[in-house]
Amino acid sequence: GSLRLSCAASGRTFSNPAMGWFRQA
């Protein structure tokens, strides 16, 4: 199956940011 995860950023964001996803079992 499938899922879609979402991450909403707020506050003082970077001008040229990188974003990423990690996981931990």
PDBML (XML) file of the C-alpha atoms, coordinates in Angstrom:
<?xml version="1.0" encoding="UTF-8" ?>
<PDBx:datablock datablockName="MODEL"
   xmlns:PDBx="http://pdbml.pdb.org/schema/pdbx-v50.xsd"
   xmlns:xsi="http://www.w3.org/2001/XMLSchema-instance"
   xsi:schemaLocation="http://pdbml.pdb.org/schema/pdbx-v50.xsd pdbx-v50.xsd">
   <PDBx:atom_siteCategory>
      <PDBx:atom_site id="1">
         <PDBx:B_iso_or_equiv>0.00</PDBx:B_iso_or_equiv>
         <PDBx:Cartn_x>0.000</PDBx:Cartn_x>
         <PDBx:Cartn_y>0.000</PDBx:Cartn_y>
         <PDBx:Cartn_z>0.000</PDBx:Cartn_z>
         <PDBx:auth_asym_id>A</PDBx:auth_asym_id>
         <PDBx:auth_atom_id>CA</PDBx:auth_atom_id>
         <PDBx:auth_comp_id>GLY</PDBx:auth_comp_id>
         <PDBx:auth_seq_id>1</PDBx:auth_seq_id>
         <PDBx:group_PDB>ATOM</PDBx:group_PDB>
         <PDBx:label_alt_id xsi:nil="true" />
         <PDBx:label_asym_id>A</PDBx:label_asym_id>
         <PDBx:label_atom_id>CA</PDBx:label_atom_id>
         <PDBx:label_comp_id>GLY</PDBx:label_comp_id>
         <PDBx:label_entity_id>1</PDBx:label_entity_id>
         <PDBx:label_seq_id>1</PDBx:label_seq_id>
         <PDBx:occupancy>1.00</PDBx:occupancy>
         <PDBx:pdbx_PDB_model_num>1</PDBx:pdbx_PDB_model_num>
         <PDBx:type_symbol>C</PDBx:type_symbol>
      </PDBx:atom_site>
      <PDBx:atom_site id="2">
         <PDBx:B_iso_or_equiv>0.00</PDBx:B_iso_or_equiv>
         <PDBx:Cartn_x>0.802</PDBx:Cartn_x>
         <PDBx:Cartn_y>3.702</PDBx:Cartn_y>
         <PDBx:Cartn_z>0.054</PDBx:Cartn_z>
         <PDBx:auth_asym_id>A</PDBx:auth_asym_id>
         <PDBx:auth_atom_id>CA</PDBx:auth_atom_id>
         <PDBx:auth_comp_id>SER</PDBx:auth_comp_id>
         <PDBx:auth_seq_id>2</PDBx:auth_seq_id>
         <PDBx:group_PDB>ATOM</PDBx:group_PDB>
         <PDBx:label_alt_id xsi:nil="true" />
         <PDBx:label_asym_id>A</PDBx:label_asym_id>
         <PDBx:label_atom_id>CA</PDBx:label_atom_id>
         <PDBx:label_comp_id>SER</PDBx:label_comp_id>
         <PDBx:label_entity_id>1</PDBx:label_entity_id>
         <PDBx:label_seq_id>2</PDBx:label_seq_id>
         <PDBx:occupancy>1.00</PDBx:occupancy>
         <PDBx:pdbx_PDB_model_num>1</PDBx:pdbx_PDB_model_num>
         <PDBx:type_symbol>C</PDBx:type_symbol>
      </PDBx:atom_site>
      <PDBx:atom_site id="3">
         <PDBx:B_iso_or_equiv>0.00</PDBx:B_iso_or_equiv>
         <PDBx:Cartn_x>0.859</PDBx:Cartn_x>
         <PDBx:Cartn_y>6.649</PDBx:Cartn_y>
         <PDBx:Cartn_z>2.431</PDBx:Cartn_z>
         <PDBx:auth_asym_id>A</PDBx:auth_asym_id>
         <PDBx:auth_atom_id>CA</PDBx:auth_atom_id>
         <PDBx:auth_comp_id>LEU</PDBx:auth_comp_id>
         <PDBx:auth_seq_id>3</PDBx:auth_seq_id>
         <PDBx:group_PDB>ATOM</PDBx:group_PDB>
         <PDBx:label_alt_id xsi:nil="true" />
         <PDBx:label_asym_id>A</PDBx:label_asym_id>
         <PDBx:label_atom_id>CA</PDBx:label_atom_id>
         <PDBx:label_comp_id>LEU</PDBx:label_comp_id>
         <PDBx:label_entity_id>1</PDBx:label_entity_id>
         <PDBx:label_seq_id>3</PDBx:label_seq_id>
         <PDBx:occupancy>1.00</PDBx:occupancy>
         <PDBx:pdbx_PDB_model_num>1</PDBx:pdbx_PDB_model_num>
         <PDBx:type_symbol>C</PDBx:type_symbol>
      </PDBx:atom_site>
      <PDBx:atom_site id="4">
         <PDBx:B_iso_or_equiv>0.00</PDBx:B_iso_or_equiv>
         <PDBx:Cartn_x>1.637</PDBx:Cartn_x>
         <PDBx:Cartn_y>10.344</PDBx:Cartn_y>
         <PDBx:Cartn_z>2.128</PDBx:Cartn_z>
         <PDBx:auth_asym_id>A</PDBx:auth_asym_id>
         <PDBx:auth_atom_id>CA</PDBx:auth_atom_id>
         <PDBx:auth_comp_id>ARG</PDBx:auth_comp_id>
         <PDBx:auth_seq_id>4</PDBx:auth_seq_id>
         <PDBx:group_PDB>ATOM</PDBx:group_PDB>
         <PDBx:label_alt_id xsi:nil="true" />
         <PDBx:label_asym_id>A</PDBx:label_asym_id>
         <PDBx:label_atom_id>CA</PDBx:label_atom_id>
         <PDBx:label_comp_id>ARG</PDBx:label_comp_id>
         <PDBx:label_entity_id>1</PDBx:label_entity_id>
         <PDBx:label_seq_id>4</PDBx:label_seq_id>
         <PDBx:occupancy>1.00</PDBx:occupancy>
         <PDBx:pdbx_PDB_model_num>1</PDBx:pdbx_PDB_model_num>
         <PDBx:type_symbol>C</PDBx:type_symbol>
      </PDBx:atom_site>
      <PDBx:atom_site id="5">
         <PDBx:B_iso_or_equiv>0.00</PDBx:B_iso_or_equiv>
         <PDBx:Cartn_x>3.404</PDBx:Cartn_x>
         <PDBx:Cartn_y>12.060</PDBx:Cartn_y>
         <PDBx:Cartn_z>4.991</PDBx:Cartn_z>
         <PDBx:auth_asym_id>A</PDBx:auth_asym_id>
         <PDBx:auth_atom_id>CA</PDBx:auth_atom_id>
         <PDBx:auth_comp_id>LEU</PDBx:auth_comp_id>
         <PDBx:auth_seq_id>5</PDBx:auth_seq_id>
         <PDBx:group_PDB>ATOM</PDBx:group_PDB>
         <PDBx:label_alt_id xsi:nil="true" />
         <PDBx:label_asym_id>A</PDBx:label_asym_id>
         <PDBx:label_atom_id>CA</PDBx:label_atom_id>
         <PDBx:label_comp_id>LEU</PDBx:label_comp_id>
         <PDBx:label_entity_id>1</PDBx:label_entity_id>
         <PDBx:label_seq_id>5</PDBx:label_seq_id>
         <PDBx:occupancy>1.00</PDBx:occupancy>
         <PDBx:pdbx_PDB_model_num>1</PDBx:pdbx_PDB_model_num>
         <PDBx:type_symbol>C</PDBx:type_symbol>
      </PDBx:atom_site>
      <PDBx:atom_site id="6">
         <PDBx:B_iso_or_equiv>0.00</PDBx:B_iso_or_equiv>
         <PDBx:Cartn_x>3.312</PDBx:Cartn_x>
         <PDBx:Cartn_y>15.828</PDBx:Cartn_y>
         <PDBx:Cartn_z>5.389</PDBx:Cartn_z>
         <PDBx:auth_asym_id>A</PDBx:auth_asym_id>
         <PDBx:auth_atom_id>CA</PDBx:auth_atom_id>
         <PDBx:auth_comp_id>SER</PDBx:auth_comp_id>
         <PDBx:auth_seq_id>6</PDBx:auth_seq_id>
         <PDBx:group_PDB>ATOM</PDBx:group_PDB>
         <PDBx:label_alt_id xsi:nil="true" />
         <PDBx:label_asym_id>A</PDBx:label_asym_id>
         <PDBx:label_atom_id>CA</PDBx:label_atom_id>
         <PDBx:label_comp_id>SER</PDBx:label_comp_id>
         <PDBx:label_entity_id>1</PDBx:label_entity_id>
         <PDBx:label_seq_id>6</PDBx:label_seq_id>
         <PDBx:occupancy>1.00</PDBx:occupancy>
         <PDBx:pdbx_PDB_model_num>1</PDBx:pdbx_PDB_model_num>
         <PDBx:type_symbol>C</PDBx:type_symbol>
      </PDBx:atom_site>
      <PDBx:atom_site id="7">
         <PDBx:B_iso_or_equiv>0.00</PDBx:B_iso_or_equiv>
         <PDBx:Cartn_x>5.620</PDBx:Cartn_x>
         <PDBx:Cartn_y>18.202</PDBx:Cartn_y>
         <PDBx:Cartn_z>7.265</PDBx:Cartn_z>
         <PDBx:auth_asym_id>A</PDBx:auth_asym_id>
         <PDBx:auth_atom_id>CA</PDBx:auth_atom_id>
         <PDBx:auth_comp_id>CYS</PDBx:auth_comp_id>
         <PDBx:auth_seq_id>7</PDBx:auth_seq_id>
         <PDBx:group_PDB>ATOM</PDBx:group_PDB>
         <PDBx:label_alt_id xsi:nil="true" />
         <PDBx:label_asym_id>A</PDBx:label_asym_id>
         <PDBx:label_atom_id>CA</PDBx:label_atom_id>
         <PDBx:label_comp_id>CYS</PDBx:label_comp_id>
         <PDBx:label_entity_id>1</PDBx:label_entity_id>
         <PDBx:label_seq_id>7</PDBx:label_seq_id>
         <PDBx:occupancy>1.00</PDBx:occupancy>
         <PDBx:pdbx_PDB_model_num>1</PDBx:pdbx_PDB_model_num>
         <PDBx:type_symbol>C</PDBx:type_symbol>
      </PDBx:atom_site>
      <PDBx:atom_site id="8">
         <PDBx:B_iso_or_equiv>0.00</PDBx:B_iso_or_equiv>
         <PDBx:Cartn_x>4.454</PDBx:Cartn_x>
         <PDBx:Cartn_y>21.780</PDBx:Cartn_y>
         <PDBx:Cartn_z>7.801</PDBx:Cartn_z>
         <PDBx:auth_asym_id>A</PDBx:auth_asym_id>
         <PDBx:auth_atom_id>CA</PDBx:auth_atom_id>
         <PDBx:auth_comp_id>ALA</PDBx:auth_comp_id>
         <PDBx:auth_seq_id>8</PDBx:auth_seq_id>
         <PDBx:group_PDB>ATOM</PDBx:group_PDB>
         <PDBx:label_alt_id xsi:nil="true" />
         <PDBx:label_asym_id>A</PDBx:label_asym_id>
         <PDBx:label_atom_id>CA</PDBx:label_atom_id>
         <PDBx:label_comp_id>ALA</PDBx:label_comp_id>
         <PDBx:label_entity_id>1</PDBx:label_entity_id>
         <PDBx:label_seq_id>8</PDBx:label_seq_id>
         <PDBx:occupancy>1.00</PDBx:occupancy>
         <PDBx:pdbx_PDB_model_num>1</PDBx:pdbx_PDB_model_num>
         <PDBx:type_symbol>C</PDBx:type_symbol>
      </PDBx:atom_site>
      <PDBx:atom_site id="9">
         <PDBx:B_iso_or_equiv>0.00</PDBx:B_iso_or_equiv>
         <PDBx:Cartn_x>7.153</PDBx:Cartn_x>
         <PDBx:Cartn_y>24.364</PDBx:Cartn_y>
         <PDBx:Cartn_z>8.528</PDBx:Cartn_z>
         <PDBx:auth_asym_id>A</PDBx:auth_asym_id>
         <PDBx:auth_atom_id>CA</PDBx:auth_atom_id>
         <PDBx:auth_comp_id>ALA</PDBx:auth_comp_id>
         <PDBx:auth_seq_id>9</PDBx:auth_seq_id>
         <PDBx:group_PDB>ATOM</PDBx:group_PDB>
         <PDBx:label_alt_id xsi:nil="true" />
         <PDBx:label_asym_id>A</PDBx:label_asym_id>
         <PDBx:label_atom_id>CA</PDBx:label_atom_id>
         <PDBx:label_comp_id>ALA</PDBx:label_comp_id>
         <PDBx:label_entity_id>1</PDBx:label_entity_id>
         <PDBx:label_seq_id>9</PDBx:label_seq_id>
         <PDBx:occupancy>1.00</PDBx:occupancy>
         <PDBx:pdbx_PDB_model_num>1</PDBx:pdbx_PDB_model_num>
         <PDBx:type_symbol>C</PDBx:type_symbol>
      </PDBx:atom_site>
      <PDBx:atom_site id="10">
         <PDBx:B_iso_or_equiv>0.00</PDBx:B_iso_or_equiv>
         <PDBx:Cartn_x>6.485</PDBx:Cartn_x>
         <PDBx:Cartn_y>27.567</PDBx:Cartn_y>
         <PDBx:Cartn_z>10.451</PDBx:Cartn_z>
         <PDBx:auth_asym_id>A</PDBx:auth_asym_id>
         <PDBx:auth_atom_id>CA</PDBx:auth_atom_id>
         <PDBx:auth_comp_id>SER</PDBx:auth_comp_id>
         <PDBx:auth_seq_id>10</PDBx:auth_seq_id>
         <PDBx:group_PDB>ATOM</PDBx:group_PDB>
         <PDBx:label_alt_id xsi:nil="true" />
         <PDBx:label_asym_id>A</PDBx:label_asym_id>
         <PDBx:label_atom_id>CA</PDBx:label_atom_id>
         <PDBx:label_comp_id>SER</PDBx:label_comp_id>
         <PDBx:label_entity_id>1</PDBx:label_entity_id>
         <PDBx:label_seq_id>10</PDBx:label_seq_id>
         <PDBx:occupancy>1.00</PDBx:occupancy>
         <PDBx:pdbx_PDB_model_num>1</PDBx:pdbx_PDB_model_num>
         <PDBx:type_symbol>C</PDBx:type_symbol>
      </PDBx:atom_site>
      <PDBx:atom_site id="11">
         <PDBx:B_iso_or_equiv>0.00</PDBx:B_iso_or_equiv>
         <PDBx:Cartn_x>8.448</PDBx:Cartn_x>
         <PDBx:Cartn_y>30.309</PDBx:Cartn_y>
         <PDBx:Cartn_z>12.161</PDBx:Cartn_z>
         <PDBx:auth_asym_id>A</PDBx:auth_asym_id>
         <PDBx:auth_atom_id>CA</PDBx:auth_atom_id>
         <PDBx:auth_comp_id>GLY</PDBx:auth_comp_id>
         <PDBx:auth_seq_id>11</PDBx:auth_seq_id>
         <PDBx:group_PDB>ATOM</PDBx:group_PDB>
         <PDBx:label_alt_id xsi:nil="true" />
         <PDBx:label_asym_id>A</PDBx:label_asym_id>
         <PDBx:label_atom_id>CA</PDBx:label_atom_id>
         <PDBx:label_comp_id>GLY</PDBx:label_comp_id>
         <PDBx:label_entity_id>1</PDBx:label_entity_id>
         <PDBx:label_seq_id>11</PDBx:label_seq_id>
         <PDBx:occupancy>1.00</PDBx:occupancy>
         <PDBx:pdbx_PDB_model_num>1</PDBx:pdbx_PDB_model_num>
         <PDBx:type_symbol>C</PDBx:type_symbol>
      </PDBx:atom_site>
      <PDBx:atom_site id="12">
         <PDBx:B_iso_or_equiv>0.00</PDBx:B_iso_or_equiv>
         <PDBx:Cartn_x>11.665</PDBx:Cartn_x>
         <PDBx:Cartn_y>31.829</PDBx:Cartn_y>
         <PDBx:Cartn_z>10.842</PDBx:Cartn_z>
         <PDBx:auth_asym_id>A</PDBx:auth_asym_id>
         <PDBx:auth_atom_id>CA</PDBx:auth_atom_id>
         <PDBx:auth_comp_id>ARG</PDBx:auth_comp_id>
         <PDBx:auth_seq_id>12</PDBx:auth_seq_id>
         <PDBx:group_PDB>ATOM</PDBx:group_PDB>
         <PDBx:label_alt_id xsi:nil="true" />
         <PDBx:label_asym_id>A</PDBx:label_asym_id>
         <PDBx:label_atom_id>CA</PDBx:label_atom_id>
         <PDBx:label_comp_id>ARG</PDBx:label_comp_id>
         <PDBx:label_entity_id>1</PDBx:label_entity_id>
         <PDBx:label_seq_id>12</PDBx:label_seq_id>
         <PDBx:occupancy>1.00</PDBx:occupancy>
         <PDBx:pdbx_PDB_model_num>1</PDBx:pdbx_PDB_model_num>
         <PDBx:type_symbol>C</PDBx:type_symbol>
      </PDBx:atom_site>
      <PDBx:atom_site id="13">
         <PDBx:B_iso_or_equiv>0.00</PDBx:B_iso_or_equiv>
         <PDBx:Cartn_x>12.430</PDBx:Cartn_x>
         <PDBx:Cartn_y>29.631</PDBx:Cartn_y>
         <PDBx:Cartn_z>7.866</PDBx:Cartn_z>
         <PDBx:auth_asym_id>A</PDBx:auth_asym_id>
         <PDBx:auth_atom_id>CA</PDBx:auth_atom_id>
         <PDBx:auth_comp_id>THR</PDBx:auth_comp_id>
         <PDBx:auth_seq_id>13</PDBx:auth_seq_id>
         <PDBx:group_PDB>ATOM</PDBx:group_PDB>
         <PDBx:label_alt_id xsi:nil="true" />
         <PDBx:label_asym_id>A</PDBx:label_asym_id>
         <PDBx:label_atom_id>CA</PDBx:label_atom_id>
         <PDBx:label_comp_id>THR</PDBx:label_comp_id>
         <PDBx:label_entity_id>1</PDBx:label_entity_id>
         <PDBx:label_seq_id>13</PDBx:label_seq_id>
         <PDBx:occupancy>1.00</PDBx:occupancy>
         <PDBx:pdbx_PDB_model_num>1</PDBx:pdbx_PDB_model_num>
         <PDBx:type_symbol>C</PDBx:type_symbol>
      </PDBx:atom_site>
      <PDBx:atom_site id="14">
         <PDBx:B_iso_or_equiv>0.00</PDBx:B_iso_or_equiv>
         <PDBx:Cartn_x>15.719</PDBx:Cartn_x>
         <PDBx:Cartn_y>29.598</PDBx:Cartn_y>
         <PDBx:Cartn_z>5.983</PDBx:Cartn_z>
         <PDBx:auth_asym_id>A</PDBx:auth_asym_id>
         <PDBx:auth_atom_id>CA</PDBx:auth_atom_id>
         <PDBx:auth_comp_id>PHE</PDBx:auth_comp_id>
         <PDBx:auth_seq_id>14</PDBx:auth_seq_id>
         <PDBx:group_PDB>ATOM</PDBx:group_PDB>
         <PDBx:label_alt_id xsi:nil="true" />
         <PDBx:label_asym_id>A</PDBx:label_asym_id>
         <PDBx:label_atom_id>CA</PDBx:label_atom_id>
         <PDBx:label_comp_id>PHE</PDBx:label_comp_id>
         <PDBx:label_entity_id>1</PDBx:label_entity_id>
         <PDBx:label_seq_id>14</PDBx:label_seq_id>
         <PDBx:occupancy>1.00</PDBx:occupancy>
         <PDBx:pdbx_PDB_model_num>1</PDBx:pdbx_PDB_model_num>
         <PDBx:type_symbol>C</PDBx:type_symbol>
      </PDBx:atom_site>
      <PDBx:atom_site id="15">
         <PDBx:B_iso_or_equiv>0.00</PDBx:B_iso_or_equiv>
         <PDBx:Cartn_x>15.998</PDBx:Cartn_x>
         <PDBx:Cartn_y>31.417</PDBx:Cartn_y>
         <PDBx:Cartn_z>2.655</PDBx:Cartn_z>
         <PDBx:auth_asym_id>A</PDBx:auth_asym_id>
         <PDBx:auth_atom_id>CA</PDBx:auth_atom_id>
         <PDBx:auth_comp_id>SER</PDBx:auth_comp_id>
         <PDBx:auth_seq_id>15</PDBx:auth_seq_id>
         <PDBx:group_PDB>ATOM</PDBx:group_PDB>
         <PDBx:label_alt_id xsi:nil="true" />
         <PDBx:label_asym_id>A</PDBx:label_asym_id>
         <PDBx:label_atom_id>CA</PDBx:label_atom_id>
         <PDBx:label_comp_id>SER</PDBx:label_comp_id>
         <PDBx:label_entity_id>1</PDBx:label_entity_id>
         <PDBx:label_seq_id>15</PDBx:label_seq_id>
         <PDBx:occupancy>1.00</PDBx:occupancy>
         <PDBx:pdbx_PDB_model_num>1</PDBx:pdbx_PDB_model_num>
         <PDBx:type_symbol>C</PDBx:type_symbol>
      </PDBx:atom_site>
      <PDBx:atom_site id="16">
         <PDBx:B_iso_or_equiv>0.00</PDBx:B_iso_or_equiv>
         <PDBx:Cartn_x>17.489</PDBx:Cartn_x>
         <PDBx:Cartn_y>28.438</PDBx:Cartn_y>
         <PDBx:Cartn_z>0.829</PDBx:Cartn_z>
         <PDBx:auth_asym_id>A</PDBx:auth_asym_id>
         <PDBx:auth_atom_id>CA</PDBx:auth_atom_id>
         <PDBx:auth_comp_id>ASN</PDBx:auth_comp_id>
         <PDBx:auth_seq_id>16</PDBx:auth_seq_id>
         <PDBx:group_PDB>ATOM</PDBx:group_PDB>
         <PDBx:label_alt_id xsi:nil="true" />
         <PDBx:label_asym_id>A</PDBx:label_asym_id>
         <PDBx:label_atom_id>CA</PDBx:label_atom_id>
         <PDBx:label_comp_id>ASN</PDBx:label_comp_id>
         <PDBx:label_entity_id>1</PDBx:label_entity_id>
         <PDBx:label_seq_id>16</PDBx:label_seq_id>
         <PDBx:occupancy>1.00</PDBx:occupancy>
         <PDBx:pdbx_PDB_model_num>1</PDBx:pdbx_PDB_model_num>
         <PDBx:type_symbol>C</PDBx:type_symbol>
      </PDBx:atom_site>
      <PDBx:atom_site id="17">
         <PDBx:B_iso_or_equiv>0.00</PDBx:B_iso_or_equiv>
         <PDBx:Cartn_x>16.709</PDBx:Cartn_x>
         <PDBx:Cartn_y>25.465</PDBx:Cartn_y>
         <PDBx:Cartn_z>3.036</PDBx:Cartn_z>
         <PDBx:auth_asym_id>A</PDBx:auth_asym_id>
         <PDBx:auth_atom_id>CA</PDBx:auth_atom_id>
         <PDBx:auth_comp_id>PRO</PDBx:auth_comp_id>
         <PDBx:auth_seq_id>17</PDBx:auth_seq_id>
         <PDBx:group_PDB>ATOM</PDBx:group_PDB>
         <PDBx:label_alt_id xsi:nil="true" />
         <PDBx:label_asym_id>A</PDBx:label_asym_id>
         <PDBx:label_atom_id>CA</PDBx:label_atom_id>
         <PDBx:label_comp_id>PRO</PDBx:label_comp_id>
         <PDBx:label_entity_id>1</PDBx:label_entity_id>
         <PDBx:label_seq_id>17</PDBx:label_seq_id>
         <PDBx:occupancy>1.00</PDBx:occupancy>
         <PDBx:pdbx_PDB_model_num>1</PDBx:pdbx_PDB_model_num>
         <PDBx:type_symbol>C</PDBx:type_symbol>
      </PDBx:atom_site>
      <PDBx:atom_site id="18">
         <PDBx:B_iso_or_equiv>0.00</PDBx:B_iso_or_equiv>
         <PDBx:Cartn_x>17.176</PDBx:Cartn_x>
         <PDBx:Cartn_y>21.787</PDBx:Cartn_y>
         <PDBx:Cartn_z>2.594</PDBx:Cartn_z>
         <PDBx:auth_asym_id>A</PDBx:auth_asym_id>
         <PDBx:auth_atom_id>CA</PDBx:auth_atom_id>
         <PDBx:auth_comp_id>ALA</PDBx:auth_comp_id>
         <PDBx:auth_seq_id>18</PDBx:auth_seq_id>
         <PDBx:group_PDB>ATOM</PDBx:group_PDB>
         <PDBx:label_alt_id xsi:nil="true" />
         <PDBx:label_asym_id>A</PDBx:label_asym_id>
         <PDBx:label_atom_id>CA</PDBx:label_atom_id>
         <PDBx:label_comp_id>ALA</PDBx:label_comp_id>
         <PDBx:label_entity_id>1</PDBx:label_entity_id>
         <PDBx:label_seq_id>18</PDBx:label_seq_id>
         <PDBx:occupancy>1.00</PDBx:occupancy>
         <PDBx:pdbx_PDB_model_num>1</PDBx:pdbx_PDB_model_num>
         <PDBx:type_symbol>C</PDBx:type_symbol>
      </PDBx:atom_site>
      <PDBx:atom_site id="19">
         <PDBx:B_iso_or_equiv>0.00</PDBx:B_iso_or_equiv>
         <PDBx:Cartn_x>14.519</PDBx:Cartn_x>
         <PDBx:Cartn_y>19.482</PDBx:Cartn_y>
         <PDBx:Cartn_z>3.950</PDBx:Cartn_z>
         <PDBx:auth_asym_id>A</PDBx:auth_asym_id>
         <PDBx:auth_atom_id>CA</PDBx:auth_atom_id>
         <PDBx:auth_comp_id>MET</PDBx:auth_comp_id>
         <PDBx:auth_seq_id>19</PDBx:auth_seq_id>
         <PDBx:group_PDB>ATOM</PDBx:group_PDB>
         <PDBx:label_alt_id xsi:nil="true" />
         <PDBx:label_asym_id>A</PDBx:label_asym_id>
         <PDBx:label_atom_id>CA</PDBx:label_atom_id>
         <PDBx:label_comp_id>MET</PDBx:label_comp_id>
         <PDBx:label_entity_id>1</PDBx:label_entity_id>
         <PDBx:label_seq_id>19</PDBx:label_seq_id>
         <PDBx:occupancy>1.00</PDBx:occupancy>
         <PDBx:pdbx_PDB_model_num>1</PDBx:pdbx_PDB_model_num>
         <PDBx:type_symbol>C</PDBx:type_symbol>
      </PDBx:atom_site>
      <PDBx:atom_site id="20">
         <PDBx:B_iso_or_equiv>0.00</PDBx:B_iso_or_equiv>
         <PDBx:Cartn_x>14.743</PDBx:Cartn_x>
         <PDBx:Cartn_y>15.806</PDBx:Cartn_y>
         <PDBx:Cartn_z>4.652</PDBx:Cartn_z>
         <PDBx:auth_asym_id>A</PDBx:auth_asym_id>
         <PDBx:auth_atom_id>CA</PDBx:auth_atom_id>
         <PDBx:auth_comp_id>GLY</PDBx:auth_comp_id>
         <PDBx:auth_seq_id>20</PDBx:auth_seq_id>
         <PDBx:group_PDB>ATOM</PDBx:group_PDB>
         <PDBx:label_alt_id xsi:nil="true" />
         <PDBx:label_asym_id>A</PDBx:label_asym_id>
         <PDBx:label_atom_id>CA</PDBx:label_atom_id>
         <PDBx:label_comp_id>GLY</PDBx:label_comp_id>
         <PDBx:label_entity_id>1</PDBx:label_entity_id>
         <PDBx:label_seq_id>20</PDBx:label_seq_id>
         <PDBx:occupancy>1.00</PDBx:occupancy>
         <PDBx:pdbx_PDB_model_num>1</PDBx:pdbx_PDB_model_num>
         <PDBx:type_symbol>C</PDBx:type_symbol>
      </PDBx:atom_site>
      <PDBx:atom_site id="21">
         <PDBx:B_iso_or_equiv>0.00</PDBx:B_iso_or_equiv>
         <PDBx:Cartn_x>13.108</PDBx:Cartn_x>
         <PDBx:Cartn_y>12.727</PDBx:Cartn_y>
         <PDBx:Cartn_z>6.062</PDBx:Cartn_z>
         <PDBx:auth_asym_id>A</PDBx:auth_asym_id>
         <PDBx:auth_atom_id>CA</PDBx:auth_atom_id>
         <PDBx:auth_comp_id>TRP</PDBx:auth_comp_id>
         <PDBx:auth_seq_id>21</PDBx:auth_seq_id>
         <PDBx:group_PDB>ATOM</PDBx:group_PDB>
         <PDBx:label_alt_id xsi:nil="true" />
         <PDBx:label_asym_id>A</PDBx:label_asym_id>
         <PDBx:label_atom_id>CA</PDBx:label_atom_id>
         <PDBx:label_comp_id>TRP</PDBx:label_comp_id>
         <PDBx:label_entity_id>1</PDBx:label_entity_id>
         <PDBx:label_seq_id>21</PDBx:label_seq_id>
         <PDBx:occupancy>1.00</PDBx:occupancy>
         <PDBx:pdbx_PDB_model_num>1</PDBx:pdbx_PDB_model_num>
         <PDBx:type_symbol>C</PDBx:type_symbol>
      </PDBx:atom_site>
      <PDBx:atom_site id="22">
         <PDBx:B_iso_or_equiv>0.00</PDBx:B_iso_or_equiv>
         <PDBx:Cartn_x>14.592</PDBx:Cartn_x>
         <PDBx:Cartn_y>10.205</PDBx:Cartn_y>
         <PDBx:Cartn_z>8.460</PDBx:Cartn_z>
         <PDBx:auth_asym_id>A</PDBx:auth_asym_id>
         <PDBx:auth_atom_id>CA</PDBx:auth_atom_id>
         <PDBx:auth_comp_id>PHE</PDBx:auth_comp_id>
         <PDBx:auth_seq_id>22</PDBx:auth_seq_id>
         <PDBx:group_PDB>ATOM</PDBx:group_PDB>
         <PDBx:label_alt_id xsi:nil="true" />
         <PDBx:label_asym_id>A</PDBx:label_asym_id>
         <PDBx:label_atom_id>CA</PDBx:label_atom_id>
         <PDBx:label_comp_id>PHE</PDBx:label_comp_id>
         <PDBx:label_entity_id>1</PDBx:label_entity_id>
         <PDBx:label_seq_id>22</PDBx:label_seq_id>
         <PDBx:occupancy>1.00</PDBx:occupancy>
         <PDBx:pdbx_PDB_model_num>1</PDBx:pdbx_PDB_model_num>
         <PDBx:type_symbol>C</PDBx:type_symbol>
      </PDBx:atom_site>
      <PDBx:atom_site id="23">
         <PDBx:B_iso_or_equiv>0.00</PDBx:B_iso_or_equiv>
         <PDBx:Cartn_x>13.121</PDBx:Cartn_x>
         <PDBx:Cartn_y>7.124</PDBx:Cartn_y>
         <PDBx:Cartn_z>10.073</PDBx:Cartn_z>
         <PDBx:auth_asym_id>A</PDBx:auth_asym_id>
         <PDBx:auth_atom_id>CA</PDBx:auth_atom_id>
         <PDBx:auth_comp_id>ARG</PDBx:auth_comp_id>
         <PDBx:auth_seq_id>23</PDBx:auth_seq_id>
         <PDBx:group_PDB>ATOM</PDBx:group_PDB>
         <PDBx:label_alt_id xsi:nil="true" />
         <PDBx:label_asym_id>A</PDBx:label_asym_id>
         <PDBx:label_atom_id>CA</PDBx:label_atom_id>
         <PDBx:label_comp_id>ARG</PDBx:label_comp_id>
         <PDBx:label_entity_id>1</PDBx:label_entity_id>
         <PDBx:label_seq_id>23</PDBx:label_seq_id>
         <PDBx:occupancy>1.00</PDBx:occupancy>
         <PDBx:pdbx_PDB_model_num>1</PDBx:pdbx_PDB_model_num>
         <PDBx:type_symbol>C</PDBx:type_symbol>
      </PDBx:atom_site>
      <PDBx:atom_site id="24">
         <PDBx:B_iso_or_equiv>0.00</PDBx:B_iso_or_equiv>
         <PDBx:Cartn_x>13.842</PDBx:Cartn_x>
         <PDBx:Cartn_y>5.136</PDBx:Cartn_y>
         <PDBx:Cartn_z>13.193</PDBx:Cartn_z>
         <PDBx:auth_asym_id>A</PDBx:auth_asym_id>
         <PDBx:auth_atom_id>CA</PDBx:auth_atom_id>
         <PDBx:auth_comp_id>GLN</PDBx:auth_comp_id>
         <PDBx:auth_seq_id>24</PDBx:auth_seq_id>
         <PDBx:group_PDB>ATOM</PDBx:group_PDB>
         <PDBx:label_alt_id xsi:nil="true" />
         <PDBx:label_asym_id>A</PDBx:label_asym_id>
         <PDBx:label_atom_id>CA</PDBx:label_atom_id>
         <PDBx:label_comp_id>GLN</PDBx:label_comp_id>
         <PDBx:label_entity_id>1</PDBx:label_entity_id>
         <PDBx:label_seq_id>24</PDBx:label_seq_id>
         <PDBx:occupancy>1.00</PDBx:occupancy>
         <PDBx:pdbx_PDB_model_num>1</PDBx:pdbx_PDB_model_num>
         <PDBx:type_symbol>C</PDBx:type_symbol>
      </PDBx:atom_site>
      <PDBx:atom_site id="25">
         <PDBx:B_iso_or_equiv>0.00</PDBx:B_iso_or_equiv>
         <PDBx:Cartn_x>12.660</PDBx:Cartn_x>
         <PDBx:Cartn_y>1.614</PDBx:Cartn_y>
         <PDBx:Cartn_z>13.909</PDBx:Cartn_z>
         <PDBx:auth_asym_id>A</PDBx:auth_asym_id>
         <PDBx:auth_atom_id>CA</PDBx:auth_atom_id>
         <PDBx:auth_comp_id>ALA</PDBx:auth_comp_id>
         <PDBx:auth_seq_id>25</PDBx:auth_seq_id>
         <PDBx:group_PDB>ATOM</PDBx:group_PDB>
         <PDBx:label_alt_id xsi:nil="true" />
         <PDBx:label_asym_id>A</PDBx:label_asym_id>
         <PDBx:label_atom_id>CA</PDBx:label_atom_id>
         <PDBx:label_comp_id>ALA</PDBx:label_comp_id>
         <PDBx:label_entity_id>1</PDBx:label_entity_id>
         <PDBx:label_seq_id>25</PDBx:label_seq_id>
         <PDBx:occupancy>1.00</PDBx:occupancy>
         <PDBx:pdbx_PDB_model_num>1</PDBx:pdbx_PDB_model_num>
         <PDBx:type_symbol>C</PDBx:type_symbol>
      </PDBx:atom_site>
   </PDBx:atom_siteCategory>
</PDBx:datablock>
